[in-house]
Amino acid sequence: RTEVYKTVGDLSLSLHVFEPESGPKTN
């Protein structure tokens, strides 16, 4: 999942987030 962590002018910098498919959803 791609999320924008910073915007500089017209530029968006992204993080690409891989999450576990199972197990806890917190902490």
mmCIF file of all heavy atoms, coordinates in Angstrom:
data_MODEL
# 
_entry.id   MODEL 
# 
loop_
_atom_site.group_PDB 
_atom_site.id 
_atom_site.type_symbol 
_atom_site.label_atom_id 
_atom_site.label_alt_id 
_atom_site.label_comp_id 
_atom_site.label_asym_id 
_atom_site.label_entity_id 
_atom_site.label_seq_id 
_atom_site.pdbx_PDB_ins_code 
_atom_site.Cartn_x 
_atom_site.Cartn_y 
_atom_site.Cartn_z 
_atom_site.occupancy 
_atom_site.B_iso_or_equiv 
_atom_site.pdbx_formal_charge 
_atom_site.auth_seq_id 
_atom_site.auth_comp_id 
_atom_site.auth_asym_id 
_atom_site.auth_atom_id 
_atom_site.pdbx_PDB_model_num 
ATOM 1   N N   . ARG A 1 1  ? 0.862  -1.185  0.000  1.00 0.00 ? 1  ARG A N   1 
ATOM 2   C CA  . ARG A 1 1  ? 0.000  0.000   0.000  1.00 0.00 ? 1  ARG A CA  1 
ATOM 3   C C   . ARG A 1 1  ? 0.901  1.237   0.000  1.00 0.00 ? 1  ARG A C   1 
ATOM 4   O O   . ARG A 1 1  ? 1.839  1.325   0.790  1.00 0.00 ? 1  ARG A O   1 
ATOM 5   C CB  . ARG A 1 1  ? -0.887 0.010   1.243  1.00 0.00 ? 1  ARG A CB  1 
ATOM 6   C CG  . ARG A 1 1  ? -1.858 1.196   1.286  1.00 0.00 ? 1  ARG A CG  1 
ATOM 7   C CD  . ARG A 1 1  ? -2.731 1.162   2.531  1.00 0.00 ? 1  ARG A CD  1 
ATOM 8   N NE  . ARG A 1 1  ? -1.994 1.521   3.751  1.00 0.00 ? 1  ARG A NE  1 
ATOM 9   C CZ  . ARG A 1 1  ? -1.590 0.654   4.637  1.00 0.00 ? 1  ARG A CZ  1 
ATOM 10  N NH1 . ARG A 1 1  ? -1.789 -0.641  4.474  1.00 0.00 ? 1  ARG A NH1 1 
ATOM 11  N NH2 . ARG A 1 1  ? -0.940 1.049   5.730  1.00 0.00 ? 1  ARG A NH2 1 
ATOM 12  N N   . THR A 1 2  ? 0.633  2.168   -0.883 1.00 0.00 ? 2  THR A N   1 
ATOM 13  C CA  . THR A 1 2  ? 1.460  3.363   -1.005 1.00 0.00 ? 2  THR A CA  1 
ATOM 14  C C   . THR A 1 2  ? 0.845  4.515   -0.227 1.00 0.00 ? 2  THR A C   1 
ATOM 15  O O   . THR A 1 2  ? -0.335 4.815   -0.371 1.00 0.00 ? 2  THR A O   1 
ATOM 16  C CB  . THR A 1 2  ? 1.629  3.749   -2.483 1.00 0.00 ? 2  THR A CB  1 
ATOM 17  O OG1 . THR A 1 2  ? 2.272  2.669   -3.180 1.00 0.00 ? 2  THR A OG1 1 
ATOM 18  C CG2 . THR A 1 2  ? 2.481  4.996   -2.631 1.00 0.00 ? 2  THR A CG2 1 
ATOM 19  N N   . GLU A 1 3  ? 1.660  5.131   0.610  1.00 0.00 ? 3  GLU A N   1 
ATOM 20  C CA  . GLU A 1 3  ? 1.214  6.278   1.402  1.00 0.00 ? 3  GLU A CA  1 
ATOM 21  C C   . GLU A 1 3  ? 2.200  7.421   1.211  1.00 0.00 ? 3  GLU A C   1 
ATOM 22  O O   . GLU A 1 3  ? 3.418  7.201   1.172  1.00 0.00 ? 3  GLU A O   1 
ATOM 23  C CB  . GLU A 1 3  ? 1.132  5.908   2.883  1.00 0.00 ? 3  GLU A CB  1 
ATOM 24  C CG  . GLU A 1 3  ? 0.161  4.776   3.187  1.00 0.00 ? 3  GLU A CG  1 
ATOM 25  C CD  . GLU A 1 3  ? -0.813 5.147   4.302  1.00 0.00 ? 3  GLU A CD  1 
ATOM 26  O OE1 . GLU A 1 3  ? -0.933 6.350   4.625  1.00 0.00 ? 3  GLU A OE1 1 
ATOM 27  O OE2 . GLU A 1 3  ? -1.431 4.216   4.845  1.00 0.00 ? 3  GLU A OE2 1 
ATOM 28  N N   . VAL A 1 4  ? 1.689  8.634   1.111  1.00 0.00 ? 4  VAL A N   1 
ATOM 29  C CA  . VAL A 1 4  ? 2.534  9.815   0.983  1.00 0.00 ? 4  VAL A CA  1 
ATOM 30  C C   . VAL A 1 4  ? 2.954  10.263  2.380  1.00 0.00 ? 4  VAL A C   1 
ATOM 31  O O   . VAL A 1 4  ? 2.109  10.479  3.250  1.00 0.00 ? 4  VAL A O   1 
ATOM 32  C CB  . VAL A 1 4  ? 1.799  10.952  0.250  1.00 0.00 ? 4  VAL A CB  1 
ATOM 33  C CG1 . VAL A 1 4  ? 2.631  12.231  0.269  1.00 0.00 ? 4  VAL A CG1 1 
ATOM 34  C CG2 . VAL A 1 4  ? 1.488  10.541  -1.184 1.00 0.00 ? 4  VAL A CG2 1 
ATOM 35  N N   . TYR A 1 5  ? 4.265  10.379  2.591  1.00 0.00 ? 5  TYR A N   1 
ATOM 36  C CA  . TYR A 1 5  ? 4.743  10.819  3.897  1.00 0.00 ? 5  TYR A CA  1 
ATOM 37  C C   . TYR A 1 5  ? 5.222  12.260  3.900  1.00 0.00 ? 5  TYR A C   1 
ATOM 38  O O   . TYR A 1 5  ? 5.410  12.868  4.968  1.00 0.00 ? 5  TYR A O   1 
ATOM 39  C CB  . TYR A 1 5  ? 5.862  9.894   4.409  1.00 0.00 ? 5  TYR A CB  1 
ATOM 40  C CG  . TYR A 1 5  ? 7.213  10.053  3.746  1.00 0.00 ? 5  TYR A CG  1 
ATOM 41  C CD1 . TYR A 1 5  ? 8.169  10.941  4.239  1.00 0.00 ? 5  TYR A CD1 1 
ATOM 42  C CD2 . TYR A 1 5  ? 7.576  9.282   2.647  1.00 0.00 ? 5  TYR A CD2 1 
ATOM 43  C CE1 . TYR A 1 5  ? 9.418  11.071  3.653  1.00 0.00 ? 5  TYR A CE1 1 
ATOM 44  C CE2 . TYR A 1 5  ? 8.818  9.394   2.058  1.00 0.00 ? 5  TYR A CE2 1 
ATOM 45  C CZ  . TYR A 1 5  ? 9.740  10.297  2.558  1.00 0.00 ? 5  TYR A CZ  1 
ATOM 46  O OH  . TYR A 1 5  ? 10.973 10.419  1.966  1.00 0.00 ? 5  TYR A OH  1 
ATOM 47  N N   . LYS A 1 6  ? 5.400  12.831  2.706  1.00 0.00 ? 6  LYS A N   1 
ATOM 48  C CA  . LYS A 1 6  ? 5.943  14.188  2.651  1.00 0.00 ? 6  LYS A CA  1 
ATOM 49  C C   . LYS A 1 6  ? 5.613  14.808  1.309  1.00 0.00 ? 6  LYS A C   1 
ATOM 50  O O   . LYS A 1 6  ? 5.692  14.133  0.278  1.00 0.00 ? 6  LYS A O   1 
ATOM 51  C CB  . LYS A 1 6  ? 7.460  14.142  2.859  1.00 0.00 ? 6  LYS A CB  1 
ATOM 52  C CG  . LYS A 1 6  ? 8.163  15.482  2.953  1.00 0.00 ? 6  LYS A CG  1 
ATOM 53  C CD  . LYS A 1 6  ? 9.617  15.261  3.347  1.00 0.00 ? 6  LYS A CD  1 
ATOM 54  C CE  . LYS A 1 6  ? 10.360 16.554  3.535  1.00 0.00 ? 6  LYS A CE  1 
ATOM 55  N NZ  . LYS A 1 6  ? 11.738 16.333  4.039  1.00 0.00 ? 6  LYS A NZ  1 
ATOM 56  N N   . THR A 1 7  ? 5.261  16.077  1.330  1.00 0.00 ? 7  THR A N   1 
ATOM 57  C CA  . THR A 1 7  ? 4.998  16.818  0.095  1.00 0.00 ? 7  THR A CA  1 
ATOM 58  C C   . THR A 1 7  ? 5.921  18.027  0.059  1.00 0.00 ? 7  THR A C   1 
ATOM 59  O O   . THR A 1 7  ? 5.987  18.802  1.028  1.00 0.00 ? 7  THR A O   1 
ATOM 60  C CB  . THR A 1 7  ? 3.531  17.269  0.016  1.00 0.00 ? 7  THR A CB  1 
ATOM 61  O OG1 . THR A 1 7  ? 2.681  16.113  0.086  1.00 0.00 ? 7  THR A OG1 1 
ATOM 62  C CG2 . THR A 1 7  ? 3.258  18.001  -1.278 1.00 0.00 ? 7  THR A CG2 1 
ATOM 63  N N   . VAL A 1 8  ? 6.626  18.162  -1.044 1.00 0.00 ? 8  VAL A N   1 
ATOM 64  C CA  . VAL A 1 8  ? 7.530  19.292  -1.243 1.00 0.00 ? 8  VAL A CA  1 
ATOM 65  C C   . VAL A 1 8  ? 7.120  19.963  -2.545 1.00 0.00 ? 8  VAL A C   1 
ATOM 66  O O   . VAL A 1 8  ? 7.393  19.450  -3.632 1.00 0.00 ? 8  VAL A O   1 
ATOM 67  C CB  . VAL A 1 8  ? 9.001  18.846  -1.300 1.00 0.00 ? 8  VAL A CB  1 
ATOM 68  C CG1 . VAL A 1 8  ? 9.918  20.060  -1.428 1.00 0.00 ? 8  VAL A CG1 1 
ATOM 69  C CG2 . VAL A 1 8  ? 9.373  18.019  -0.086 1.00 0.00 ? 8  VAL A CG2 1 
ATOM 70  N N   . GLY A 1 9  ? 6.414  21.079  -2.456 1.00 0.00 ? 9  GLY A N   1 
ATOM 71  C CA  . GLY A 1 9  ? 5.887  21.701  -3.657 1.00 0.00 ? 9  GLY A CA  1 
ATOM 72  C C   . GLY A 1 9  ? 4.912  20.767  -4.339 1.00 0.00 ? 9  GLY A C   1 
ATOM 73  O O   . GLY A 1 9  ? 3.936  20.312  -3.731 1.00 0.00 ? 9  GLY A O   1 
ATOM 74  N N   . ASP A 1 10 ? 5.181  20.461  -5.603 1.00 0.00 ? 10 ASP A N   1 
ATOM 75  C CA  . ASP A 1 10 ? 4.317  19.544  -6.350 1.00 0.00 ? 10 ASP A CA  1 
ATOM 76  C C   . ASP A 1 10 ? 4.757  18.084  -6.208 1.00 0.00 ? 10 ASP A C   1 
ATOM 77  O O   . ASP A 1 10 ? 4.129  17.187  -6.777 1.00 0.00 ? 10 ASP A O   1 
ATOM 78  C CB  . ASP A 1 10 ? 4.312  19.917  -7.842 1.00 0.00 ? 10 ASP A CB  1 
ATOM 79  C CG  . ASP A 1 10 ? 3.701  21.295  -8.086 1.00 0.00 ? 10 ASP A CG  1 
ATOM 80  O OD1 . ASP A 1 10 ? 2.838  21.697  -7.288 1.00 0.00 ? 10 ASP A OD1 1 
ATOM 81  O OD2 . ASP A 1 10 ? 4.106  21.955  -9.060 1.00 0.00 ? 10 ASP A OD2 1 
ATOM 82  N N   . LEU A 1 11 ? 5.813  17.844  -5.467 1.00 0.00 ? 11 LEU A N   1 
ATOM 83  C CA  . LEU A 1 11 ? 6.367  16.499  -5.346 1.00 0.00 ? 11 LEU A CA  1 
ATOM 84  C C   . LEU A 1 11 ? 5.817  15.785  -4.117 1.00 0.00 ? 11 LEU A C   1 
ATOM 85  O O   . LEU A 1 11 ? 5.834  16.333  -3.009 1.00 0.00 ? 11 LEU A O   1 
ATOM 86  C CB  . LEU A 1 11 ? 7.894  16.569  -5.250 1.00 0.00 ? 11 LEU A CB  1 
ATOM 87  C CG  . LEU A 1 11 ? 8.629  15.255  -4.988 1.00 0.00 ? 11 LEU A CG  1 
ATOM 88  C CD1 . LEU A 1 11 ? 8.496  14.321  -6.188 1.00 0.00 ? 11 LEU A CD1 1 
ATOM 89  C CD2 . LEU A 1 11 ? 10.092 15.514  -4.655 1.00 0.00 ? 11 LEU A CD2 1 
ATOM 90  N N   . SER A 1 12 ? 5.354  14.561  -4.315 1.00 0.00 ? 12 SER A N   1 
ATOM 91  C CA  . SER A 1 12 ? 4.913  13.716  -3.208 1.00 0.00 ? 12 SER A CA  1 
ATOM 92  C C   . SER A 1 12 ? 5.902  12.577  -3.030 1.00 0.00 ? 12 SER A C   1 
ATOM 93  O O   . SER A 1 12 ? 6.219  11.871  -3.993 1.00 0.00 ? 12 SER A O   1 
ATOM 94  C CB  . SER A 1 12 ? 3.516  13.144  -3.488 1.00 0.00 ? 12 SER A CB  1 
ATOM 95  O OG  . SER A 1 12 ? 2.545  14.171  -3.531 1.00 0.00 ? 12 SER A OG  1 
ATOM 96  N N   . LEU A 1 13 ? 6.393  12.401  -1.818 1.00 0.00 ? 13 LEU A N   1 
ATOM 97  C CA  . LEU A 1 13 ? 7.310  11.306  -1.491 1.00 0.00 ? 13 LEU A CA  1 
ATOM 98  C C   . LEU A 1 13 ? 6.523  10.219  -0.781 1.00 0.00 ? 13 LEU A C   1 
ATOM 99  O O   . LEU A 1 13 ? 5.760  10.498  0.152  1.00 0.00 ? 13 LEU A O   1 
ATOM 100 C CB  . LEU A 1 13 ? 8.443  11.807  -0.607 1.00 0.00 ? 13 LEU A CB  1 
ATOM 101 C CG  . LEU A 1 13 ? 9.391  12.802  -1.258 1.00 0.00 ? 13 LEU A CG  1 
ATOM 102 C CD1 . LEU A 1 13 ? 10.386 13.347  -0.232 1.00 0.00 ? 13 LEU A CD1 1 
ATOM 103 C CD2 . LEU A 1 13 ? 10.131 12.182  -2.434 1.00 0.00 ? 13 LEU A CD2 1 
ATOM 104 N N   . SER A 1 14 ? 6.736  8.984   -1.200 1.00 0.00 ? 14 SER A N   1 
ATOM 105 C CA  . SER A 1 14 ? 5.894  7.879   -0.741 1.00 0.00 ? 14 SER A CA  1 
ATOM 106 C C   . SER A 1 14 ? 6.659  6.830   0.050  1.00 0.00 ? 14 SER A C   1 
ATOM 107 O O   . SER A 1 14 ? 7.871  6.655   -0.112 1.00 0.00 ? 14 SER A O   1 
ATOM 108 C CB  . SER A 1 14 ? 5.233  7.193   -1.947 1.00 0.00 ? 14 SER A CB  1 
ATOM 109 O OG  . SER A 1 14 ? 4.379  8.079   -2.630 1.00 0.00 ? 14 SER A OG  1 
ATOM 110 N N   . LEU A 1 15 ? 5.899  6.130   0.880  1.00 0.00 ? 15 LEU A N   1 
ATOM 111 C CA  . LEU A 1 15 ? 6.328  4.916   1.544  1.00 0.00 ? 15 LEU A CA  1 
ATOM 112 C C   . LEU A 1 15 ? 5.477  3.777   1.021  1.00 0.00 ? 15 LEU A C   1 
ATOM 113 O O   . LEU A 1 15 ? 4.270  3.940   0.805  1.00 0.00 ? 15 LEU A O   1 
ATOM 114 C CB  . LEU A 1 15 ? 6.130  5.027   3.058  1.00 0.00 ? 15 LEU A CB  1 
ATOM 115 C CG  . LEU A 1 15 ? 6.880  6.130   3.786  1.00 0.00 ? 15 LEU A CG  1 
ATOM 116 C CD1 . LEU A 1 15 ? 6.399  6.222   5.234  1.00 0.00 ? 15 LEU A CD1 1 
ATOM 117 C CD2 . LEU A 1 15 ? 8.371  5.878   3.748  1.00 0.00 ? 15 LEU A CD2 1 
ATOM 118 N N   . HIS A 1 16 ? 6.078  2.610   0.820  1.00 0.00 ? 16 HIS A N   1 
ATOM 119 C CA  . HIS A 1 16 ? 5.361  1.437   0.325  1.00 0.00 ? 16 HIS A CA  1 
ATOM 120 C C   . HIS A 1 16 ? 5.291  0.434   1.475  1.00 0.00 ? 16 HIS A C   1 
ATOM 121 O O   . HIS A 1 16 ? 6.302  -0.093  1.919  1.00 0.00 ? 16 HIS A O   1 
ATOM 122 C CB  . HIS A 1 16 ? 6.073  0.873   -0.895 1.00 0.00 ? 16 HIS A CB  1 
ATOM 123 C CG  . HIS A 1 16 ? 6.289  1.905   -1.969 1.00 0.00 ? 16 HIS A CG  1 
ATOM 124 N ND1 . HIS A 1 16 ? 5.301  2.280   -2.845 1.00 0.00 ? 16 HIS A ND1 1 
ATOM 125 C CD2 . HIS A 1 16 ? 7.367  2.675   -2.266 1.00 0.00 ? 16 HIS A CD2 1 
ATOM 126 C CE1 . HIS A 1 16 ? 5.763  3.217   -3.670 1.00 0.00 ? 16 HIS A CE1 1 
ATOM 127 N NE2 . HIS A 1 16 ? 7.013  3.474   -3.322 1.00 0.00 ? 16 HIS A NE2 1 
ATOM 128 N N   . VAL A 1 17 ? 4.078  0.205   1.952  1.00 0.00 ? 17 VAL A N   1 
ATOM 129 C CA  . VAL A 1 17 ? 3.855  -0.495  3.209  1.00 0.00 ? 17 VAL A CA  1 
ATOM 130 C C   . VAL A 1 17 ? 3.397  -1.927  2.950  1.00 0.00 ? 17 VAL A C   1 
ATOM 131 O O   . VAL A 1 17 ? 2.356  -2.163  2.328  1.00 0.00 ? 17 VAL A O   1 
ATOM 132 C CB  . VAL A 1 17 ? 2.798  0.238   4.052  1.00 0.00 ? 17 VAL A CB  1 
ATOM 133 C CG1 . VAL A 1 17 ? 2.609  -0.463  5.398  1.00 0.00 ? 17 VAL A CG1 1 
ATOM 134 C CG2 . VAL A 1 17 ? 3.181  1.705   4.248  1.00 0.00 ? 17 VAL A CG2 1 
ATOM 135 N N   . PHE A 1 18 ? 4.185  -2.887  3.433  1.00 0.00 ? 18 PHE A N   1 
ATOM 136 C CA  . PHE A 1 18 ? 3.832  -4.303  3.374  1.00 0.00 ? 18 PHE A CA  1 
ATOM 137 C C   . PHE A 1 18 ? 3.374  -4.720  4.770  1.00 0.00 ? 18 PHE A C   1 
ATOM 138 O O   . PHE A 1 18 ? 4.126  -4.596  5.739  1.00 0.00 ? 18 PHE A O   1 
ATOM 139 C CB  . PHE A 1 18 ? 5.031  -5.154  2.960  1.00 0.00 ? 18 PHE A CB  1 
ATOM 140 C CG  . PHE A 1 18 ? 5.498  -4.936  1.549  1.00 0.00 ? 18 PHE A CG  1 
ATOM 141 C CD1 . PHE A 1 18 ? 6.302  -3.838  1.231  1.00 0.00 ? 18 PHE A CD1 1 
ATOM 142 C CD2 . PHE A 1 18 ? 5.151  -5.822  0.538  1.00 0.00 ? 18 PHE A CD2 1 
ATOM 143 C CE1 . PHE A 1 18 ? 6.748  -3.637  -0.069 1.00 0.00 ? 18 PHE A CE1 1 
ATOM 144 C CE2 . PHE A 1 18 ? 5.589  -5.633  -0.763 1.00 0.00 ? 18 PHE A CE2 1 
ATOM 145 C CZ  . PHE A 1 18 ? 6.385  -4.539  -1.068 1.00 0.00 ? 18 PHE A CZ  1 
ATOM 146 N N   . GLU A 1 19 ? 2.155  -5.233  4.872  1.00 0.00 ? 19 GLU A N   1 
ATOM 147 C CA  . GLU A 1 19 ? 1.608  -5.630  6.159  1.00 0.00 ? 19 GLU A CA  1 
ATOM 148 C C   . GLU A 1 19 ? 1.489  -7.139  6.273  1.00 0.00 ? 19 GLU A C   1 
ATOM 149 O O   . GLU A 1 19 ? 1.224  -7.826  5.278  1.00 0.00 ? 19 GLU A O   1 
ATOM 150 C CB  . GLU A 1 19 ? 0.226  -5.013  6.360  1.00 0.00 ? 19 GLU A CB  1 
ATOM 151 C CG  . GLU A 1 19 ? 0.239  -3.513  6.509  1.00 0.00 ? 19 GLU A CG  1 
ATOM 152 C CD  . GLU A 1 19 ? -1.077 -2.994  7.053  1.00 0.00 ? 19 GLU A CD  1 
ATOM 153 O OE1 . GLU A 1 19 ? -1.244 -2.973  8.288  1.00 0.00 ? 19 GLU A OE1 1 
ATOM 154 O OE2 . GLU A 1 19 ? -1.937 -2.617  6.238  1.00 0.00 ? 19 GLU A OE2 1 
ATOM 155 N N   . PRO A 1 20 ? 1.653  -7.664  7.477  1.00 0.00 ? 20 PRO A N   1 
ATOM 156 C CA  . PRO A 1 20 ? 1.432  -9.098  7.681  1.00 0.00 ? 20 PRO A CA  1 
ATOM 157 C C   . PRO A 1 20 ? -0.009 -9.471  7.338  1.00 0.00 ? 20 PRO A C   1 
ATOM 158 O O   . PRO A 1 20 ? -0.931 -8.690  7.596  1.00 0.00 ? 20 PRO A O   1 
ATOM 159 C CB  . PRO A 1 20 ? 1.702  -9.289  9.175  1.00 0.00 ? 20 PRO A CB  1 
ATOM 160 C CG  . PRO A 1 20 ? 2.570  -8.128  9.552  1.00 0.00 ? 20 PRO A CG  1 
ATOM 161 C CD  . PRO A 1 20 ? 2.126  -6.988  8.694  1.00 0.00 ? 20 PRO A CD  1 
ATOM 162 N N   . GLU A 1 21 ? -0.193 -10.640 6.751  1.00 0.00 ? 21 GLU A N   1 
ATOM 163 C CA  . GLU A 1 21 ? -1.538 -11.070 6.382  1.00 0.00 ? 21 GLU A CA  1 
ATOM 164 C C   . GLU A 1 21 ? -2.313 -11.623 7.572  1.00 0.00 ? 21 GLU A C   1 
ATOM 165 O O   . GLU A 1 21 ? -3.534 -11.709 7.532  1.00 0.00 ? 21 GLU A O   1 
ATOM 166 C CB  . GLU A 1 21 ? -1.462 -12.129 5.279  1.00 0.00 ? 21 GLU A CB  1 
ATOM 167 C CG  . GLU A 1 21 ? -0.934 -11.581 3.957  1.00 0.00 ? 21 GLU A CG  1 
ATOM 168 C CD  . GLU A 1 21 ? -0.929 -12.628 2.867  1.00 0.00 ? 21 GLU A CD  1 
ATOM 169 O OE1 . GLU A 1 21 ? -1.312 -13.789 3.155  1.00 0.00 ? 21 GLU A OE1 1 
ATOM 170 O OE2 . GLU A 1 21 ? -0.535 -12.294 1.739  1.00 0.00 ? 21 GLU A OE2 1 
ATOM 171 N N   . SER A 1 22 ? -1.612 -12.005 8.617  1.00 0.00 ? 22 SER A N   1 
ATOM 172 C CA  . SER A 1 22 ? -2.273 -12.567 9.790  1.00 0.00 ? 22 SER A CA  1 
ATOM 173 C C   . SER A 1 22 ? -1.562 -12.081 11.038 1.00 0.00 ? 22 SER A C   1 
ATOM 174 O O   . SER A 1 22 ? -0.543 -11.386 10.965 1.00 0.00 ? 22 SER A O   1 
ATOM 175 C CB  . SER A 1 22 ? -2.255 -14.096 9.732  1.00 0.00 ? 22 SER A CB  1 
ATOM 176 O OG  . SER A 1 22 ? -0.918 -14.578 9.684  1.00 0.00 ? 22 SER A OG  1 
ATOM 177 N N   . GLY A 1 23 ? -2.091 -12.455 12.190 1.00 0.00 ? 23 GLY A N   1 
ATOM 178 C CA  . GLY A 1 23 ? -1.482 -12.068 13.447 1.00 0.00 ? 23 GLY A CA  1 
ATOM 179 C C   . GLY A 1 23 ? -2.069 -10.777 13.978 1.00 0.00 ? 23 GLY A C   1 
ATOM 180 O O   . GLY A 1 23 ? -3.081 -10.271 13.476 1.00 0.00 ? 23 GLY A O   1 
ATOM 181 N N   . PRO A 1 24 ? -1.442 -10.225 14.997 1.00 0.00 ? 24 PRO A N   1 
ATOM 182 C CA  . PRO A 1 24 ? -1.953 -8.998  15.628 1.00 0.00 ? 24 PRO A CA  1 
ATOM 183 C C   . PRO A 1 24 ? -2.057 -7.847  14.629 1.00 0.00 ? 24 PRO A C   1 
ATOM 184 O O   . PRO A 1 24 ? -1.297 -7.772  13.668 1.00 0.00 ? 24 PRO A O   1 
ATOM 185 C CB  . PRO A 1 24 ? -0.913 -8.707  16.707 1.00 0.00 ? 24 PRO A CB  1 
ATOM 186 C CG  . PRO A 1 24 ? -0.205 -9.988  16.938 1.00 0.00 ? 24 PRO A CG  1 
ATOM 187 C CD  . PRO A 1 24 ? -0.208 -10.713 15.637 1.00 0.00 ? 24 PRO A CD  1 
ATOM 188 N N   . LYS A 1 25 ? -2.971 -6.951  14.896 1.00 0.00 ? 25 LYS A N   1 
ATOM 189 C CA  . LYS A 1 25 ? -3.154 -5.765  14.052 1.00 0.00 ? 25 LYS A CA  1 
ATOM 190 C C   . LYS A 1 25 ? -2.688 -4.493  14.749 1.00 0.00 ? 25 LYS A C   1 
ATOM 191 O O   . LYS A 1 25 ? -2.809 -3.403  14.188 1.00 0.00 ? 25 LYS A O   1 
ATOM 192 C CB  . LYS A 1 25 ? -4.626 -5.626  13.660 1.00 0.00 ? 25 LYS A CB  1 
ATOM 193 C CG  . LYS A 1 25 ? -5.172 -6.789  12.847 1.00 0.00 ? 25 LYS A CG  1 
ATOM 194 C CD  . LYS A 1 25 ? -4.453 -6.938  11.509 1.00 0.00 ? 25 LYS A CD  1 
ATOM 195 C CE  . LYS A 1 25 ? -5.035 -8.074  10.680 1.00 0.00 ? 25 LYS A CE  1 
ATOM 196 N NZ  . LYS A 1 25 ? -4.286 -8.255  9.402  1.00 0.00 ? 25 LYS A NZ  1 
ATOM 197 N N   . THR A 1 26 ? -2.181 -4.639  15.968 1.00 0.00 ? 26 THR A N   1 
ATOM 198 C CA  . THR A 1 26 ? -1.716 -3.480  16.721 1.00 0.00 ? 26 THR A CA  1 
ATOM 199 C C   . THR A 1 26 ? -0.349 -3.766  17.330 1.00 0.00 ? 26 THR A C   1 
ATOM 200 O O   . THR A 1 26 ? 0.053  -4.925  17.480 1.00 0.00 ? 26 THR A O   1 
ATOM 201 C CB  . THR A 1 26 ? -2.703 -3.131  17.856 1.00 0.00 ? 26 THR A CB  1 
ATOM 202 O OG1 . THR A 1 26 ? -2.802 -4.251  18.747 1.00 0.00 ? 26 THR A OG1 1 
ATOM 203 C CG2 . THR A 1 26 ? -4.074 -2.800  17.294 1.00 0.00 ? 26 THR A CG2 1 
ATOM 204 N N   . ASN A 1 27 ? 0.348  -2.680  17.661 1.00 0.00 ? 27 ASN A N   1 
ATOM 205 C CA  . ASN A 1 27 ? 1.643  -2.773  18.372 1.00 0.00 ? 27 ASN A CA  1 
ATOM 206 C C   . ASN A 1 27 ? 2.653  -3.696  17.685 1.00 0.00 ? 27 ASN A C   1 
ATOM 207 O O   . ASN A 1 27 ? 3.421  -4.393  18.347 1.00 0.00 ? 27 ASN A O   1 
ATOM 208 C CB  . ASN A 1 27 ? 1.418  -3.221  19.818 1.00 0.00 ? 27 ASN A CB  1 
ATOM 209 C CG  . ASN A 1 27 ? 0.678  -2.177  20.623 1.00 0.00 ? 27 ASN A CG  1 
ATOM 210 O OD1 . ASN A 1 27 ? 0.967  -0.989  20.524 1.00 0.00 ? 27 ASN A OD1 1 
ATOM 211 N ND2 . ASN A 1 27 ? -0.292 -2.611  21.408 1.00 0.00 ? 27 ASN A ND2 1 
# 
